Amino acid sequence: MVRIRMQRLGRTNRPFYRIGAMEKRTRRNGPLIELLGTYDPLEKDAQKQVKLNEERVKFWLSKGAQPTDTVRDMFAKRGLVDVKAWETARGYDKKQLAERLAKAPAPEAKKEEKKA
């Protein structure tokens, strides 16, 4: 499965990211299939922070590539993904997380078990 995600570059305290299509199983800074854009969080001008090749992004999304949550946020702000579907997916993820936390035993109960 192909994922669209960010690769961290730059030096300490000066991050710079490449946005690219890569195989899901590769490490974070592994080889890219294709470079789709860049993200510079330190850039003061918001228009220059994210640079995307929108034509290629649409191509990879049409082929079934899955963007990570952060990249999906960037795409939603630019209108490259369906915002309604994105919001429902985020709501579903939050709902599952809340259910998982409700089922997990409280940390205090674990401490009491160890003492006994």
PDB file of N, CA and C in Angstrom:
ATOM      1  N   MET A   1       0.846  -1.178   0.000  1.00  0.00           N
ATOM      2  CA  MET A   1       0.000   0.000   0.000  1.00  0.00           C
ATOM      3  C   MET A   1       0.892   1.241   0.000  1.00  0.00           C
ATOM      4  N   VAL A   2       0.505   2.204  -0.771  1.00  0.00           N
ATOM      5  CA  VAL A   2       1.258   3.453  -0.874  1.00  0.00           C
ATOM      6  C   VAL A   2       0.664   4.479   0.081  1.00  0.00           C
ATOM      7  N   ARG A   3       1.525   5.149   0.812  1.00  0.00           N
ATOM      8  CA  ARG A   3       1.116   6.217   1.728  1.00  0.00           C
ATOM      9  C   ARG A   3       1.728   7.529   1.239  1.00  0.00           C
ATOM     10  N   ILE A   4       1.015   8.614   1.475  1.00  0.00           N
ATOM     11  CA  ILE A   4       1.569   9.944   1.215  1.00  0.00           C
ATOM     12  C   ILE A   4       1.910  10.509   2.583  1.00  0.00           C
ATOM     13  N   ARG A   5       3.203  10.704   2.833  1.00  0.00           N
ATOM     14  CA  ARG A   5       3.629  11.157   4.152  1.00  0.00           C
ATOM     15  C   ARG A   5       4.839  12.061   4.049  1.00  0.00           C
ATOM     16  N   MET A   6       5.250  12.578   5.215  1.00  0.00           N
ATOM     17  CA  MET A   6       6.341  13.543   5.249  1.00  0.00           C
ATOM     18  C   MET A   6       7.645  12.878   5.679  1.00  0.00           C
ATOM     19  N   GLN A   7       8.737  13.342   5.091  1.00  0.00           N
ATOM     20  CA  GLN A   7      10.086  12.944   5.467  1.00  0.00           C
ATOM     21  C   GLN A   7      10.737  14.136   6.133  1.00  0.00           C
ATOM     22  N   ARG A   8      11.325  13.936   7.317  1.00  0.00           N
ATOM     23  CA  ARG A   8      11.953  15.056   8.015  1.00  0.00           C
ATOM     24  C   ARG A   8      13.386  15.223   7.532  1.00  0.00           C
ATOM     25  N   LEU A   9      13.709  16.446   7.179  1.00  0.00           N
ATOM     26  CA  LEU A   9      15.062  16.819   6.795  1.00  0.00           C
ATOM     27  C   LEU A   9      15.452  18.033   7.617  1.00  0.00           C
ATOM     28  N   GLY A  10      16.586  18.617   7.311  1.00  0.00           N
ATOM     29  CA  GLY A  10      17.025  19.800   8.033  1.00  0.00           C
ATOM     30  C   GLY A  10      17.928  19.414   9.186  1.00  0.00           C
ATOM     31  N   ARG A  11      18.308  20.403   9.952  1.00  0.00           N
ATOM     32  CA  ARG A  11      19.192  20.133  11.080  1.00  0.00           C
ATOM     33  C   ARG A  11      18.423  20.292  12.385  1.00  0.00           C
ATOM     34  N   THR A  12      19.112  20.188  13.493  1.00  0.00           N
ATOM     35  CA  THR A  12      18.480  20.299  14.803  1.00  0.00           C
ATOM     36  C   THR A  12      17.807  21.661  14.951  1.00  0.00           C
ATOM     37  N   ASN A  13      16.567  21.643  15.383  1.00  0.00           N
ATOM     38  CA  ASN A  13      15.748  22.848  15.586  1.00  0.00           C
ATOM     39  C   ASN A  13      15.480  23.632  14.309  1.00  0.00           C
ATOM     40  N   ARG A  14      15.733  23.075  13.146  1.00  0.00           N
ATOM     41  CA  ARG A  14      15.439  23.710  11.861  1.00  0.00           C
ATOM     42  C   ARG A  14      14.778  22.687  10.938  1.00  0.00           C
ATOM     43  N   PRO A  15      13.551  22.245  11.258  1.00  0.00           N
ATOM     44  CA  PRO A  15      12.943  21.177  10.461  1.00  0.00           C
ATOM     45  C   PRO A  15      12.534  21.637   9.069  1.00  0.00           C
ATOM     46  N   PHE A  16      12.560  20.691   8.171  1.00  0.00           N
ATOM     47  CA  PHE A  16      12.122  20.877   6.792  1.00  0.00           C
ATOM     48  C   PHE A  16      11.592  19.513   6.345  1.00  0.00           C
ATOM     49  N   TYR A  17      10.474  19.483   5.661  1.00  0.00           N
ATOM     50  CA  TYR A  17       9.855  18.208   5.319  1.00  0.00           C
ATOM     51  C   TYR A  17       9.628  18.087   3.822  1.00  0.00           C
ATOM     52  N   ARG A  18       9.838  16.878   3.299  1.00  0.00           N
ATOM     53  CA  ARG A  18       9.440  16.534   1.947  1.00  0.00           C
ATOM     54  C   ARG A  18       8.142  15.747   2.046  1.00  0.00           C
ATOM     55  N   ILE A  19       7.215  16.032   1.175  1.00  0.00           N
ATOM     56  CA  ILE A  19       5.962  15.285   1.115  1.00  0.00           C
ATOM     57  C   ILE A  19       6.065  14.373  -0.093  1.00  0.00           C
ATOM     58  N   GLY A  20       5.919  13.080   0.156  1.00  0.00           N
ATOM     59  CA  GLY A  20       6.107  12.152  -0.943  1.00  0.00           C
ATOM     60  C   GLY A  20       5.271  10.903  -0.824  1.00  0.00           C
ATOM     61  N   ALA A  21       5.161  10.212  -1.946  1.00  0.00           N
ATOM     62  CA  ALA A  21       4.498   8.916  -1.983  1.00  0.00           C
ATOM     63  C   ALA A  21       5.552   7.856  -1.720  1.00  0.00           C
ATOM     64  N   MET A  22       5.266   6.979  -0.746  1.00  0.00           N
ATOM     65  CA  MET A  22       6.197   5.904  -0.432  1.00  0.00           C
ATOM     66  C   MET A  22       5.445   4.676   0.034  1.00  0.00           C
ATOM     67  N   GLU A  23       6.118   3.547  -0.031  1.00  0.00           N
ATOM     68  CA  GLU A  23       5.528   2.295   0.425  1.00  0.00           C
ATOM     69  C   GLU A  23       5.279   2.372   1.928  1.00  0.00           C
ATOM     70  N   LYS A  24       4.173   1.822   2.390  1.00  0.00           N
ATOM     71  CA  LYS A  24       3.766   1.922   3.794  1.00  0.00           C
ATOM     72  C   LYS A  24       4.799   1.312   4.740  1.00  0.00           C
ATOM     73  N   ARG A  25       5.476   0.251   4.320  1.00  0.00           N
ATOM     74  CA  ARG A  25       6.393  -0.468   5.203  1.00  0.00           C
ATOM     75  C   ARG A  25       7.780   0.153   5.309  1.00  0.00           C
ATOM     76  N   THR A  26       8.065   1.173   4.510  1.00  0.00           N
ATOM     77  CA  THR A  26       9.401   1.771   4.572  1.00  0.00           C
ATOM     78  C   THR A  26       9.527   2.670   5.787  1.00  0.00           C
ATOM     79  N   ARG A  27      10.756   2.870   6.227  1.00  0.00           N
ATOM     80  CA  ARG A  27      10.998   3.739   7.382  1.00  0.00           C
ATOM     81  C   ARG A  27      10.697   5.187   7.010  1.00  0.00           C
ATOM     82  N   ARG A  28      10.662   6.051   8.030  1.00  0.00           N
ATOM     83  CA  ARG A  28      10.243   7.444   7.827  1.00  0.00           C
ATOM     84  C   ARG A  28      11.086   8.139   6.767  1.00  0.00           C
ATOM     85  N   ASN A  29      12.383   7.994   6.837  1.00  0.00           N
ATOM     86  CA  ASN A  29      13.258   8.663   5.876  1.00  0.00           C
ATOM     87  C   ASN A  29      13.739   7.715   4.787  1.00  0.00           C
ATOM     88  N   GLY A  30      12.930   6.718   4.486  1.00  0.00           N
ATOM     89  CA  GLY A  30      13.266   5.750   3.448  1.00  0.00           C
ATOM     90  C   GLY A  30      13.084   6.331   2.058  1.00  0.00           C
ATOM     91  N   PRO A  31      13.271   5.480   1.057  1.00  0.00           N
ATOM     92  CA  PRO A  31      13.189   5.963  -0.330  1.00  0.00           C
ATOM     93  C   PRO A  31      11.765   6.339  -0.737  1.00  0.00           C
ATOM     94  N   LEU A  32      11.670   7.404  -1.497  1.00  0.00           N
ATOM     95  CA  LEU A  32      10.389   7.882  -2.029  1.00  0.00           C
ATOM     96  C   LEU A  32      10.109   7.224  -3.370  1.00  0.00           C
ATOM     97  N   ILE A  33       8.836   6.986  -3.634  1.00  0.00           N
ATOM     98  CA  ILE A  33       8.434   6.600  -4.986  1.00  0.00           C
ATOM     99  C   ILE A  33       8.418   7.858  -5.846  1.00  0.00           C
ATOM    100  N   GLU A  34       7.823   8.932  -5.286  1.00  0.00           N
ATOM    101  CA  GLU A  34       7.769  10.205  -6.003  1.00  0.00           C
ATOM    102  C   GLU A  34       7.667  11.356  -5.012  1.00  0.00           C
ATOM    103  N   LEU A  35       8.413  12.418  -5.265  1.00  0.00           N
ATOM    104  CA  LEU A  35       8.348  13.634  -4.459  1.00  0.00           C
ATOM    105  C   LEU A  35       7.158  14.461  -4.925  1.00  0.00           C
ATOM    106  N   LEU A  36       6.273  14.806  -3.979  1.00  0.00           N
ATOM    107  CA  LEU A  36       5.051  15.531  -4.330  1.00  0.00           C
ATOM    108  C   LEU A  36       5.062  16.984  -3.878  1.00  0.00           C
ATOM    109  N   GLY A  37       5.959  17.341  -2.954  1.00  0.00           N
ATOM    110  CA  GLY A  37       6.001  18.713  -2.488  1.00  0.00           C
ATOM    111  C   GLY A  37       6.896  18.850  -1.273  1.00  0.00           C
ATOM    112  N   THR A  38       6.871  20.048  -0.677  1.00  0.00           N
ATOM    113  CA  THR A  38       7.675  20.332   0.511  1.00  0.00           C
ATOM    114  C   THR A  38       6.841  21.106   1.525  1.00  0.00           C
ATOM    115  N   TYR A  39       7.307  21.066   2.776  1.00  0.00           N
ATOM    116  CA  TYR A  39       6.673  21.804   3.860  1.00  0.00           C
ATOM    117  C   TYR A  39       7.773  22.395   4.719  1.00  0.00           C
ATOM    118  N   ASP A  40       7.773  23.720   4.863  1.00  0.00           N
ATOM    119  CA  ASP A  40       8.758  24.428   5.670  1.00  0.00           C
ATOM    120  C   ASP A  40       8.022  25.148   6.795  1.00  0.00           C
ATOM    121  N   PRO A  41       7.963  24.556   8.008  1.00  0.00           N
ATOM    122  CA  PRO A  41       7.192  25.167   9.093  1.00  0.00           C
ATOM    123  C   PRO A  41       7.779  26.473   9.614  1.00  0.00           C
ATOM    124  N   LEU A  42       9.027  26.766   9.311  1.00  0.00           N
ATOM    125  CA  LEU A  42       9.664  27.989   9.797  1.00  0.00           C
ATOM    126  C   LEU A  42       9.465  29.179   8.869  1.00  0.00           C
ATOM    127  N   GLU A  43       8.908  28.948   7.700  1.00  0.00           N
ATOM    128  CA  GLU A  43       8.649  30.025   6.748  1.00  0.00           C
ATOM    129  C   GLU A  43       7.575  30.953   7.309  1.00  0.00           C
ATOM    130  N   LYS A  44       7.841  32.248   7.298  1.00  0.00           N
ATOM    131  CA  LYS A  44       6.908  33.215   7.877  1.00  0.00           C
ATOM    132  C   LYS A  44       5.660  33.419   7.004  1.00  0.00           C
ATOM    133  N   ASP A  45       5.840  33.395   5.693  1.00  0.00           N
ATOM    134  CA  ASP A  45       4.724  33.570   4.774  1.00  0.00           C
ATOM    135  C   ASP A  45       3.962  32.244   4.641  1.00  0.00           C
ATOM    136  N   ALA A  46       2.705  32.228   5.051  1.00  0.00           N
ATOM    137  CA  ALA A  46       1.914  30.999   5.058  1.00  0.00           C
ATOM    138  C   ALA A  46       1.735  30.417   3.654  1.00  0.00           C
ATOM    139  N   GLN A  47       1.726  31.261   2.636  1.00  0.00           N
ATOM    140  CA  GLN A  47       1.570  30.780   1.264  1.00  0.00           C
ATOM    141  C   GLN A  47       2.785  29.978   0.804  1.00  0.00           C
ATOM    142  N   LYS A  48       3.956  30.295   1.347  1.00  0.00           N
ATOM    143  CA  LYS A  48       5.187  29.627   0.936  1.00  0.00           C
ATOM    144  C   LYS A  48       5.530  28.416   1.806  1.00  0.00           C
ATOM    145  N   GLN A  49       4.783  28.183   2.886  1.00  0.00           N
ATOM    146  CA  GLN A  49       5.090  27.064   3.779  1.00  0.00           C
ATOM    147  C   GLN A  49       4.918  25.722   3.078  1.00  0.00           C
ATOM    148  N   VAL A  50       3.833  25.558   2.367  1.00  0.00           N
ATOM    149  CA  VAL A  50       3.540  24.284   1.707  1.00  0.00           C
ATOM    150  C   VAL A  50       3.568  24.490   0.204  1.00  0.00           C
ATOM    151  N   LYS A  51       4.389  23.689  -0.471  1.00  0.00           N
ATOM    152  CA  LYS A  51       4.441  23.695  -1.929  1.00  0.00           C
ATOM    153  C   LYS A  51       4.091  22.288  -2.390  1.00  0.00           C
ATOM    154  N   LEU A  52       3.050  22.166  -3.209  1.00  0.00           N
ATOM    155  CA  LEU A  52       2.585  20.860  -3.659  1.00  0.00           C
ATOM    156  C   LEU A  52       2.435  20.827  -5.174  1.00  0.00           C
ATOM    157  N   ASN A  53       2.724  19.672  -5.746  1.00  0.00           N
ATOM    158  CA  ASN A  53       2.407  19.410  -7.143  1.00  0.00           C
ATOM    159  C   ASN A  53       1.012  18.786  -7.133  1.00  0.00           C
ATOM    160  N   GLU A  54      -0.009  19.622  -7.209  1.00  0.00           N
ATOM    161  CA  GLU A  54      -1.389  19.191  -7.008  1.00  0.00           C
ATOM    162  C   GLU A  54      -1.842  18.162  -8.039  1.00  0.00           C
ATOM    163  N   GLU A  55      -1.345  18.267  -9.248  1.00  0.00           N
ATOM    164  CA  GLU A  55      -1.711  17.308 -10.283  1.00  0.00           C
ATOM    165  C   GLU A  55      -1.263  15.898  -9.903  1.00  0.00           C
ATOM    166  N   ARG A  56      -0.029  15.768  -9.416  1.00  0.00           N
ATOM    167  CA  ARG A  56       0.494  14.452  -9.023  1.00  0.00           C
ATOM    168  C   ARG A  56      -0.160  13.946  -7.730  1.00  0.00           C
ATOM    169  N   VAL A  57      -0.504  14.861  -6.828  1.00  0.00           N
ATOM    170  CA  VAL A  57      -1.200  14.456  -5.602  1.00  0.00           C
ATOM    171  C   VAL A  57      -2.538  13.839  -5.966  1.00  0.00           C
ATOM    172  N   LYS A  58      -3.276  14.483  -6.859  1.00  0.00           N
ATOM    173  CA  LYS A  58      -4.568  13.947  -7.288  1.00  0.00           C
ATOM    174  C   LYS A  58      -4.391  12.584  -7.971  1.00  0.00           C
ATOM    175  N   PHE A  59      -3.312  12.441  -8.743  1.00  0.00           N
ATOM    176  CA  PHE A  59      -3.034  11.162  -9.401  1.00  0.00           C
ATOM    177  C   PHE A  59      -2.856  10.057  -8.361  1.00  0.00           C
ATOM    178  N   TRP A  60      -2.017  10.298  -7.348  1.00  0.00           N
ATOM    179  CA  TRP A  60      -1.756   9.264  -6.342  1.00  0.00           C
ATOM    180  C   TRP A  60      -2.995   8.976  -5.498  1.00  0.00           C
ATOM    181  N   LEU A  61      -3.778   9.985  -5.192  1.00  0.00           N
ATOM    182  CA  LEU A  61      -5.023   9.752  -4.455  1.00  0.00           C
ATOM    183  C   LEU A  61      -5.999   8.920  -5.279  1.00  0.00           C
ATOM    184  N   SER A  62      -6.030   9.143  -6.589  1.00  0.00           N
ATOM    185  CA  SER A  62      -6.915   8.360  -7.452  1.00  0.00           C
ATOM    186  C   SER A  62      -6.455   6.912  -7.561  1.00  0.00           C
ATOM    187  N   LYS A  63      -5.163   6.660  -7.382  1.00  0.00           N
ATOM    188  CA  LYS A  63      -4.625   5.299  -7.423  1.00  0.00           C
ATOM    189  C   LYS A  63      -4.786   4.570  -6.093  1.00  0.00           C
ATOM    190  N   GLY A  64      -5.310   5.266  -5.064  1.00  0.00           N
ATOM    191  CA  GLY A  64      -5.568   4.609  -3.788  1.00  0.00           C
ATOM    192  C   GLY A  64      -4.540   4.886  -2.713  1.00  0.00           C
ATOM    193  N   ALA A  65      -3.654   5.835  -2.925  1.00  0.00           N
ATOM    194  CA  ALA A  65      -2.669   6.174  -1.894  1.00  0.00           C
ATOM    195  C   ALA A  65      -3.380   6.800  -0.698  1.00  0.00           C
ATOM    196  N   GLN A  66      -2.953   6.433   0.509  1.00  0.00           N
ATOM    197  CA  GLN A  66      -3.566   6.926   1.740  1.00  0.00           C
ATOM    198  C   GLN A  66      -2.684   7.990   2.377  1.00  0.00           C
ATOM    199  N   PRO A  67      -3.157   9.227   2.530  1.00  0.00           N
ATOM    200  CA  PRO A  67      -2.352  10.238   3.214  1.00  0.00           C
ATOM    201  C   PRO A  67      -2.396  10.041   4.723  1.00  0.00           C
ATOM    202  N   THR A  68      -1.323  10.416   5.402  1.00  0.00           N
ATOM    203  CA  THR A  68      -1.319  10.388   6.860  1.00  0.00           C
ATOM    204  C   THR A  68      -2.230  11.506   7.359  1.00  0.00           C
ATOM    205  N   ASP A  69      -2.526  11.510   8.653  1.00  0.00           N
ATOM    206  CA  ASP A  69      -3.444  12.517   9.201  1.00  0.00           C
ATOM    207  C   ASP A  69      -2.933  13.936   8.972  1.00  0.00           C
ATOM    208  N   THR A  70      -1.653  14.159   9.222  1.00  0.00           N
ATOM    209  CA  THR A  70      -1.082  15.501   9.051  1.00  0.00           C
ATOM    210  C   THR A  70      -1.145  15.940   7.596  1.00  0.00           C
ATOM    211  N   VAL A  71      -0.789  15.051   6.696  1.00  0.00           N
ATOM    212  CA  VAL A  71      -0.814  15.382   5.267  1.00  0.00           C
ATOM    213  C   VAL A  71      -2.258  15.564   4.802  1.00  0.00           C
ATOM    214  N   ARG A  72      -3.169  14.762   5.337  1.00  0.00           N
ATOM    215  CA  ARG A  72      -4.585  14.916   4.979  1.00  0.00           C
ATOM    216  C   ARG A  72      -5.099  16.280   5.408  1.00  0.00           C
ATOM    217  N   ASP A  73      -4.645  16.778   6.557  1.00  0.00           N
ATOM    218  CA  ASP A  73      -5.023  18.129   6.991  1.00  0.00           C
ATOM    219  C   ASP A  73      -4.564  19.172   5.976  1.00  0.00           C
ATOM    220  N   MET A  74      -3.330  19.029   5.503  1.00  0.00           N
ATOM    221  CA  MET A  74      -2.806  19.966   4.495  1.00  0.00           C
ATOM    222  C   MET A  74      -3.623  19.901   3.208  1.00  0.00           C
ATOM    223  N   PHE A  75      -3.954  18.690   2.791  1.00  0.00           N
ATOM    224  CA  PHE A  75      -4.735  18.515   1.566  1.00  0.00           C
ATOM    225  C   PHE A  75      -6.137  19.088   1.724  1.00  0.00           C
ATOM    226  N   ALA A  76      -6.747  18.920   2.890  1.00  0.00           N
ATOM    227  CA  ALA A  76      -8.094  19.438   3.126  1.00  0.00           C
ATOM    228  C   ALA A  76      -8.113  20.958   3.069  1.00  0.00           C
ATOM    229  N   LYS A  77      -7.079  21.596   3.597  1.00  0.00           N
ATOM    230  CA  LYS A  77      -7.008  23.060   3.546  1.00  0.00           C
ATOM    231  C   LYS A  77      -6.872  23.567   2.121  1.00  0.00           C
ATOM    232  N   ARG A  78      -6.300  22.759   1.239  1.00  0.00           N
ATOM    233  CA  ARG A  78      -6.115  23.145  -0.151  1.00  0.00           C
ATOM    234  C   ARG A  78      -7.230  22.616  -1.052  1.00  0.00           C
ATOM    235  N   GLY A  79      -8.169  21.863  -0.485  1.00  0.00           N
ATOM    236  CA  GLY A  79      -9.292  21.351  -1.261  1.00  0.00           C
ATOM    237  C   GLY A  79      -8.953  20.151  -2.126  1.00  0.00           C
ATOM    238  N   LEU A  80      -7.909  19.399  -1.781  1.00  0.00           N
ATOM    239  CA  LEU A  80      -7.516  18.246  -2.576  1.00  0.00           C
ATOM    240  C   LEU A  80      -8.222  16.961  -2.149  1.00  0.00           C
ATOM    241  N   VAL A  81      -8.781  16.942  -0.944  1.00  0.00           N
ATOM    242  CA  VAL A  81      -9.549  15.777  -0.476  1.00  0.00           C
ATOM    243  C   VAL A  81     -10.941  16.255  -0.084  1.00  0.00           C
ATOM    244  N   ASP A  82     -11.868  15.328  -0.026  1.00  0.00           N
ATOM    245  CA  ASP A  82     -13.235  15.631   0.364  1.00  0.00           C
ATOM    246  C   ASP A  82     -13.264  15.957   1.853  1.00  0.00           C
ATOM    247  N   VAL A  83     -13.605  17.183   2.199  1.00  0.00           N
ATOM    248  CA  VAL A  83     -13.570  17.642   3.586  1.00  0.00           C
ATOM    249  C   VAL A  83     -14.613  16.917   4.427  1.00  0.00           C
ATOM    250  N   LYS A  84     -15.782  16.652   3.882  1.00  0.00           N
ATOM    251  CA  LYS A  84     -16.829  15.950   4.635  1.00  0.00           C
ATOM    252  C   LYS A  84     -16.369  14.547   5.026  1.00  0.00           C
ATOM    253  N   ALA A  85     -15.794  13.831   4.069  1.00  0.00           N
ATOM    254  CA  ALA A  85     -15.303  12.479   4.357  1.00  0.00           C
ATOM    255  C   ALA A  85     -14.173  12.534   5.373  1.00  0.00           C
ATOM    256  N   TRP A  86     -13.330  13.549   5.264  1.00  0.00           N
ATOM    257  CA  TRP A  86     -12.223  13.716   6.202  1.00  0.00           C
ATOM    258  C   TRP A  86     -12.749  13.951   7.614  1.00  0.00           C
ATOM    259  N   GLU A  87     -13.766  14.812   7.762  1.00  0.00           N
ATOM    260  CA  GLU A  87     -14.324  15.097   9.082  1.00  0.00           C
ATOM    261  C   GLU A  87     -14.996  13.870   9.690  1.00  0.00           C
ATOM    262  N   THR A  88     -15.700  13.084   8.887  1.00  0.00           N
ATOM    263  CA  THR A  88     -16.336  11.879   9.422  1.00  0.00           C
ATOM    264  C   THR A  88     -15.294  10.851   9.834  1.00  0.00           C
ATOM    265  N   ALA A  89     -14.209  10.739   9.066  1.00  0.00           N
ATOM    266  CA  ALA A  89     -13.138   9.804   9.433  1.00  0.00           C
ATOM    267  C   ALA A  89     -12.486  10.236  10.737  1.00  0.00           C
ATOM    268  N   ARG A  90     -12.268  11.529  10.902  1.00  0.00           N
ATOM    269  CA  ARG A  90     -11.671  12.027  12.145  1.00  0.00           C
ATOM    270  C   ARG A  90     -12.602  11.784  13.334  1.00  0.00           C
ATOM    271  N   GLY A  91     -13.900  11.994  13.137  1.00  0.00           N
ATOM    272  CA  GLY A  91     -14.869  11.745  14.202  1.00  0.00           C
ATOM    273  C   GLY A  91     -14.902  10.272  14.591  1.00  0.00           C
ATOM    274  N   TYR A  92     -14.817   9.396  13.601  1.00  0.00           N
ATOM    275  CA  TYR A  92     -14.812   7.959  13.862  1.00  0.00           C
ATOM    276  C   TYR A  92     -13.555   7.566  14.654  1.00  0.00           C
ATOM    277  N   ASP A  93     -12.391   8.113  14.270  1.00  0.00           N
ATOM    278  CA  ASP A  93     -11.147   7.816  14.984  1.00  0.00           C
ATOM    279  C   ASP A  93     -11.217   8.292  16.437  1.00  0.00           C
ATOM    280  N   LYS A  94     -11.762   9.481  16.646  1.00  0.00           N
ATOM    281  CA  LYS A  94     -11.881  10.012  18.004  1.00  0.00           C
ATOM    282  C   LYS A  94     -12.836   9.162  18.842  1.00  0.00           C
ATOM    283  N   LYS A  95     -13.912   8.691  18.213  1.00  0.00           N
ATOM    284  CA  LYS A  95     -14.885   7.855  18.912  1.00  0.00           C
ATOM    285  C   LYS A  95     -14.243   6.528  19.340  1.00  0.00           C
ATOM    286  N   GLN A  96     -13.476   5.904  18.451  1.00  0.00           N
ATOM    287  CA  GLN A  96     -12.801   4.650  18.783  1.00  0.00           C
ATOM    288  C   GLN A  96     -11.789   4.848  19.903  1.00  0.00           C
ATOM    289  N   LEU A  97     -11.062   5.943  19.879  1.00  0.00           N
ATOM    290  CA  LEU A  97     -10.089   6.229  20.926  1.00  0.00           C
ATOM    291  C   LEU A  97     -10.786   6.396  22.271  1.00  0.00           C
ATOM    292  N   ALA A  98     -11.900   7.097  22.294  1.00  0.00           N
ATOM    293  CA  ALA A  98     -12.646   7.292  23.543  1.00  0.00           C
ATOM    294  C   ALA A  98     -13.145   5.952  24.089  1.00  0.00           C
ATOM    295  N   GLU A  99     -13.623   5.070  23.204  1.00  0.00           N
ATOM    296  CA  GLU A  99     -14.085   3.758  23.646  1.00  0.00           C
ATOM    297  C   GLU A  99     -12.938   2.922  24.205  1.00  0.00           C
ATOM    298  N   ARG A 100     -11.781   2.983  23.563  1.00  0.00           N
ATOM    299  CA  ARG A 100     -10.628   2.219  24.021  1.00  0.00           C
ATOM    300  C   ARG A 100     -10.152   2.712  25.386  1.00  0.00           C
ATOM    301  N   LEU A 101     -10.171   4.018  25.583  1.00  0.00           N
ATOM    302  CA  LEU A 101      -9.766   4.574  26.872  1.00  0.00           C
ATOM    303  C   LEU A 101     -10.768   4.234  27.960  1.00  0.00           C
ATOM    304  N   ALA A 102     -12.046   4.160  27.622  1.00  0.00           N
ATOM    305  CA  ALA A 102     -13.074   3.812  28.604  1.00  0.00           C
ATOM    306  C   ALA A 102     -12.947   2.349  29.034  1.00  0.00           C
ATOM    307  N   LYS A 103     -12.556   1.476  28.119  1.00  0.00           N
ATOM    308  CA  LYS A 103     -12.409   0.059  28.437  1.00  0.00           C
ATOM    309  C   LYS A 103     -11.142  -0.230  29.236  1.00  0.00           C
ATOM    310  N   ALA A 104     -10.109   0.582  29.059  1.00  0.00           N
ATOM    311  CA  ALA A 104      -8.833   0.349  29.745  1.00  0.00           C
ATOM    312  C   ALA A 104      -9.001   0.571  31.251  1.00  0.00           C
ATOM    313  N   PRO A 105      -8.377  -0.278  32.070  1.00  0.00           N
ATOM    314  CA  PRO A 105      -8.482  -0.078  33.519  1.00  0.00           C
ATOM    315  C   PRO A 105      -7.744   1.188  33.933  1.00  0.00           C
ATOM    316  N   ALA A 106      -8.233   1.787  34.992  1.00  0.00           N
ATOM    317  CA  ALA A 106      -7.626   3.022  35.492  1.00  0.00           C
ATOM    318  C   ALA A 106      -6.218   2.729  36.006  1.00  0.00           C
ATOM    319  N   PRO A 107      -5.274   3.669  35.885  1.00  0.00           N
ATOM    320  CA  PRO A 107      -3.910   3.446  36.361  1.00  0.00           C
ATOM    321  C   PRO A 107      -3.850   3.226  37.871  1.00  0.00           C
ATOM    322  N   GLU A 108      -4.777   3.796  38.611  1.00  0.00           N
ATOM    323  CA  GLU A 108      -4.791   3.618  40.068  1.00  0.00           C
ATOM    324  C   GLU A 108      -5.072   2.166  40.429  1.00  0.00           C
ATOM    325  N   ALA A 109      -5.935   1.509  39.666  1.00  0.00           N
ATOM    326  CA  ALA A 109      -6.271   0.110  39.934  1.00  0.00           C
ATOM    327  C   ALA A 109      -5.047  -0.781  39.726  1.00  0.00           C
ATOM    328  N   LYS A 110      -4.220  -0.457  38.746  1.00  0.00           N
ATOM    329  CA  LYS A 110      -3.009  -1.232  38.503  1.00  0.00           C
ATOM    330  C   LYS A 110      -2.044  -1.106  39.676  1.00  0.00           C
ATOM    331  N   LYS A 111      -1.908   0.099  40.236  1.00  0.00           N
ATOM    332  CA  LYS A 111      -1.018   0.314  41.363  1.00  0.00           C
ATOM    333  C   LYS A 111      -1.473  -0.497  42.574  1.00  0.00           C
ATOM    334  N   GLU A 112      -2.784  -0.541  42.816  1.00  0.00           N
ATOM    335  CA  GLU A 112      -3.329  -1.290  43.941  1.00  0.00           C
ATOM    336  C   GLU A 112      -3.083  -2.782  43.789  1.00  0.00           C
ATOM    337  N   GLU A 113      -3.158  -3.287  42.548  1.00  0.00           N
ATOM    338  CA  GLU A 113      -2.911  -4.706  42.301  1.00  0.00           C
ATOM    339  C   GLU A 113      -1.468  -5.072  42.600  1.00  0.00           C
ATOM    340  N   LYS A 114      -0.526  -4.204  42.277  1.00  0.00           N
ATOM    341  CA  LYS A 114       0.883  -4.466  42.519  1.00  0.00           C
ATOM    342  C   LYS A 114       1.182  -4.482  44.020  1.00  0.00           C
ATOM    343  N   LYS A 115       0.521  -3.627  44.783  1.00  0.00           N
ATOM    344  CA  LYS A 115       0.763  -3.560  46.224  1.00  0.00           C
ATOM    345  C   LYS A 115       0.225  -4.808  46.932  1.00  0.00           C
ATOM    346  N   ALA A 116      -0.848  -5.356  46.439  1.00  0.00           N
ATOM    347  CA  ALA A 116      -1.492  -6.499  47.104  1.00  0.00           C
ATOM    348  C   ALA A 116      -0.725  -7.786  46.947  1.00  0.00           C
TER     349      ALA A 116
END
